[in-house]
Amino acid sequence: MNITLYQIIFDWGGVLAPDDSLLAAEHLSKKYKCDYEELRKVLWDEEGFSEGKNEEGYFKKILEKFPIPKEEIIEWKNKALPNDTFTFCHKLKKKGYTVHLLSDQMQWRADFIRNNFDLQCFDQIMFSSEIGHIKKEKEAFLCMINAGRIDLKKAVFVDDSKCKIAVAKEVGLDAILYINLPDLKKQLHKRGITI
């Protein structure tokens, strides 16, 4: 496949910044002397609470298993700061590419990201808590496609989740499983995107 793509849609956690649940679990499991893997599973739940569907349900579920204050969870999740791939997005924008952000985030996390980082490189920003859909649902991608006037023949989605990559492909998007920035650059280069 060697077509020129002009629109790149990025995920936040695990792509443009470290996975905030992994970071929080690493610190909080040591502080509260609890099992890292169990805490990580609860912080990165499969029921969609952490993705903006039910914030209070998310914290209630954690407190049922671990005596960790909500404020401390928020503090540690917010320590997942943007990485080199975030800087790369700004370079893509300067080269004339259209860059979008589509991420599953609770509202407090979406607000933190909006208020603390330079998101001017993104033409369209959508967080699950604001659109009412998570990326495990086709509707999240359809919201982005329709609002961003995305031409499926000239777009690619970048995420670190195989499940979300599969959903993106179901709606007709090309997609790249994010491993690291050097690999991403290679994958984009194969598609005609170079910096």
Protein backbone atom coordinates (compact mmCIF):
# COMPACT_ATOMS: atom_id res chain seq x y z
CA MET A 1 0.00 0.00 0.00
CA ASN A 2 1.66 3.22 -1.08
CA ILE A 3 -0.95 5.98 -1.08
CA THR A 4 -0.35 9.43 0.30
CA LEU A 5 -2.20 10.03 3.55
CA TYR A 6 -2.95 13.51 4.74
CA GLN A 7 -4.87 12.92 7.97
CA ILE A 8 -3.45 11.18 11.02
CA ILE A 9 -5.63 10.39 14.04
CA PHE A 10 -3.75 9.75 17.28
CA ASP A 11 -4.68 8.18 20.58
CA TRP A 12 -3.34 9.85 23.75
CA GLY A 13 -2.52 7.25 26.44
CA GLY A 14 0.11 4.76 25.35
CA VAL A 15 0.87 6.76 22.18
CA LEU A 16 1.34 10.50 22.81
CA ALA A 17 1.93 9.98 26.54
CA PRO A 18 2.66 6.96 28.71
CA ASP A 19 -0.29 4.81 29.73
CA ASP A 20 -1.53 6.64 32.83
CA SER A 21 -2.92 3.48 34.44
CA LEU A 22 0.43 1.71 34.24
CA LEU A 23 2.21 4.72 35.72
CA ALA A 24 -0.31 5.05 38.56
CA ALA A 25 -0.29 1.31 39.28
CA GLU A 26 3.50 1.23 39.46
CA HIS A 27 3.64 3.94 42.11
CA LEU A 28 0.45 3.19 44.07
CA SER A 29 1.04 -0.58 44.30
CA LYS A 30 4.33 0.14 46.08
CA LYS A 31 2.90 2.81 48.36
CA TYR A 32 -0.17 0.78 49.37
CA LYS A 33 1.61 -2.60 49.25
CA CYS A 34 -0.87 -4.18 46.90
CA ASP A 35 -0.51 -6.45 43.91
CA TYR A 36 0.62 -4.41 40.90
CA GLU A 37 -1.15 -6.56 38.32
CA GLU A 38 -4.47 -6.53 40.17
CA LEU A 39 -4.30 -2.77 40.67
CA ARG A 40 -3.35 -2.22 37.04
CA LYS A 41 -6.38 -4.24 35.91
CA VAL A 42 -8.72 -2.15 38.05
CA LEU A 43 -7.13 1.15 37.00
CA TRP A 44 -7.36 0.10 33.34
CA ASP A 45 -10.73 -1.59 33.49
CA GLU A 46 -12.46 -3.39 30.66
CA GLU A 47 -15.94 -2.11 31.52
CA GLY A 48 -15.41 1.35 30.14
CA PHE A 49 -15.51 3.25 33.44
CA SER A 50 -12.01 4.61 32.90
CA GLU A 51 -12.88 5.58 29.36
CA GLY A 52 -15.46 8.16 30.34
CA LYS A 53 -18.61 6.08 30.61
CA ASN A 54 -19.06 6.24 34.40
CA GLU A 55 -16.45 8.10 36.44
CA GLU A 56 -18.05 7.54 39.84
CA GLY A 57 -18.46 3.83 39.07
CA TYR A 58 -14.77 3.70 38.19
CA PHE A 59 -13.61 5.11 41.54
CA LYS A 60 -16.16 3.04 43.47
CA LYS A 61 -14.83 -0.13 41.84
CA ILE A 62 -11.26 0.77 42.85
CA LEU A 63 -12.24 1.54 46.45
CA GLU A 64 -14.01 -1.82 46.73
CA LYS A 65 -10.65 -3.54 46.18
CA PHE A 66 -8.00 -1.03 47.27
CA PRO A 67 -7.98 1.70 49.95
CA ILE A 68 -6.58 4.35 47.63
CA PRO A 69 -8.05 7.88 47.73
CA LYS A 70 -9.56 9.20 44.51
CA GLU A 71 -7.36 12.31 44.70
CA GLU A 72 -4.20 10.20 44.72
CA ILE A 73 -5.32 8.17 41.72
CA ILE A 74 -6.02 11.39 39.82
CA GLU A 75 -2.67 12.85 40.87
CA TRP A 76 -0.71 9.84 39.60
CA LYS A 77 -2.68 9.44 36.37
CA ASN A 78 -2.00 13.11 35.64
CA LYS A 79 1.75 12.47 35.90
CA ALA A 80 1.67 10.70 32.53
CA LEU A 81 3.21 13.55 30.54
CA PRO A 82 3.50 13.80 26.74
CA ASN A 83 6.42 12.05 25.05
CA ASP A 84 8.44 12.37 21.82
CA THR A 85 5.50 11.17 19.73
CA PHE A 86 3.54 14.20 20.94
CA THR A 87 6.39 16.42 19.70
CA PHE A 88 6.29 14.48 16.42
CA CYS A 89 2.59 15.42 16.02
CA HIS A 90 3.59 19.08 16.06
CA LYS A 91 6.17 18.38 13.34
CA LEU A 92 3.55 16.61 11.23
CA LYS A 93 1.26 19.62 11.53
CA LYS A 94 4.06 22.01 10.52
CA LYS A 95 4.63 19.87 7.40
CA GLY A 96 1.00 20.39 6.40
CA TYR A 97 -0.62 17.17 7.59
CA THR A 98 -4.00 17.24 9.30
CA VAL A 99 -3.62 15.82 12.80
CA HIS A 100 -6.50 14.72 15.05
CA LEU A 101 -6.77 13.39 18.60
CA LEU A 102 -9.30 10.68 19.55
CA SER A 103 -8.87 9.30 23.05
CA ASP A 104 -10.82 7.45 25.73
CA GLN A 105 -10.58 9.70 28.79
CA MET A 106 -12.67 10.56 31.82
CA GLN A 107 -13.70 14.21 31.90
CA TRP A 108 -11.25 15.22 34.64
CA ARG A 109 -8.40 13.69 32.64
CA ALA A 110 -9.60 15.29 29.39
CA ASP A 111 -9.73 18.66 31.17
CA PHE A 112 -6.22 18.17 32.54
CA ILE A 113 -4.87 17.36 29.07
CA ARG A 114 -6.64 20.34 27.48
CA ASN A 115 -5.50 22.76 30.20
CA ASN A 116 -1.87 21.66 30.55
CA PHE A 117 -0.55 20.77 27.11
CA ASP A 118 -0.22 22.57 23.78
CA LEU A 119 -2.87 20.90 21.63
CA GLN A 120 -2.82 23.50 18.85
CA CYS A 121 -1.43 20.98 16.39
CA PHE A 122 -4.71 19.04 16.47
CA ASP A 123 -7.38 20.04 13.98
CA GLN A 124 -10.01 18.02 15.84
CA ILE A 125 -9.94 16.80 19.46
CA MET A 126 -12.43 14.25 20.77
CA PHE A 127 -12.47 12.61 24.17
CA SER A 128 -14.85 9.75 24.94
CA SER A 129 -16.30 11.57 27.94
CA GLU A 130 -17.34 14.41 25.63
CA ILE A 131 -18.75 12.42 22.71
CA GLY A 132 -20.40 9.63 24.73
CA HIS A 133 -18.61 6.79 22.93
CA ILE A 134 -15.42 4.83 23.55
CA LYS A 135 -13.14 3.52 20.83
CA LYS A 136 -14.42 -0.02 21.33
CA GLU A 137 -17.56 1.36 19.66
CA LYS A 138 -17.71 2.23 15.97
CA GLU A 139 -19.62 5.40 16.88
CA ALA A 140 -16.48 7.00 18.38
CA PHE A 141 -14.72 6.71 15.03
CA LEU A 142 -17.80 7.80 13.10
CA CYS A 143 -18.00 10.96 15.26
CA MET A 144 -14.39 11.77 14.36
CA ILE A 145 -14.82 10.90 10.68
CA ASN A 146 -17.95 13.02 10.30
CA ALA A 147 -16.82 16.01 12.38
CA GLY A 148 -13.32 16.05 10.93
CA ARG A 149 -14.53 15.51 7.37
CA ILE A 150 -12.08 12.65 7.11
CA ASP A 151 -11.53 10.98 3.75
CA LEU A 152 -11.04 7.32 4.60
CA LYS A 153 -8.72 6.94 1.60
CA LYS A 154 -6.39 9.61 3.00
CA ALA A 155 -6.36 8.84 6.72
CA VAL A 156 -4.67 6.59 9.25
CA PHE A 157 -5.41 5.91 12.92
CA VAL A 158 -2.61 5.28 15.45
CA ASP A 159 -3.30 3.43 18.72
CA ASP A 160 -1.53 1.01 21.06
CA SER A 161 -4.60 -1.24 21.45
CA LYS A 162 -5.19 -4.11 19.01
CA CYS A 163 -8.88 -4.09 19.90
CA LYS A 164 -9.28 -0.41 19.01
CA ILE A 165 -7.24 -0.84 15.84
CA ALA A 166 -9.69 -3.58 14.80
CA VAL A 167 -12.70 -1.30 15.36
CA ALA A 168 -11.03 1.49 13.35
CA LYS A 169 -10.52 -0.94 10.48
CA GLU A 170 -14.18 -2.01 10.69
CA VAL A 171 -15.25 1.56 9.85
CA GLY A 172 -12.79 1.71 6.95
CA LEU A 173 -9.78 3.47 8.49
CA ASP A 174 -6.24 2.36 7.84
CA ALA A 175 -4.60 1.81 11.23
CA ILE A 176 -1.17 1.42 12.79
CA LEU A 177 -0.54 -0.44 16.02
CA TYR A 178 1.77 1.87 17.97
CA ILE A 179 4.91 0.24 19.39
CA ASN A 180 7.28 3.20 19.60
CA LEU A 181 8.17 6.36 17.67
CA PRO A 182 10.85 4.83 15.39
CA ASP A 183 8.42 2.08 14.33
CA LEU A 184 5.64 4.63 13.81
CA LYS A 185 7.90 6.68 11.52
CA LYS A 186 8.64 3.55 9.47
CA GLN A 187 4.92 2.70 9.23
CA LEU A 188 4.03 6.25 8.18
CA HIS A 189 6.89 6.30 5.66
CA LYS A 190 5.44 3.16 4.02
CA ARG A 191 2.25 5.18 3.58
CA GLY A 192 4.03 8.17 2.04
CA ILE A 193 4.19 10.32 5.19
CA THR A 194 7.65 11.66 5.86
CA ILE A 195 9.08 14.46 7.97
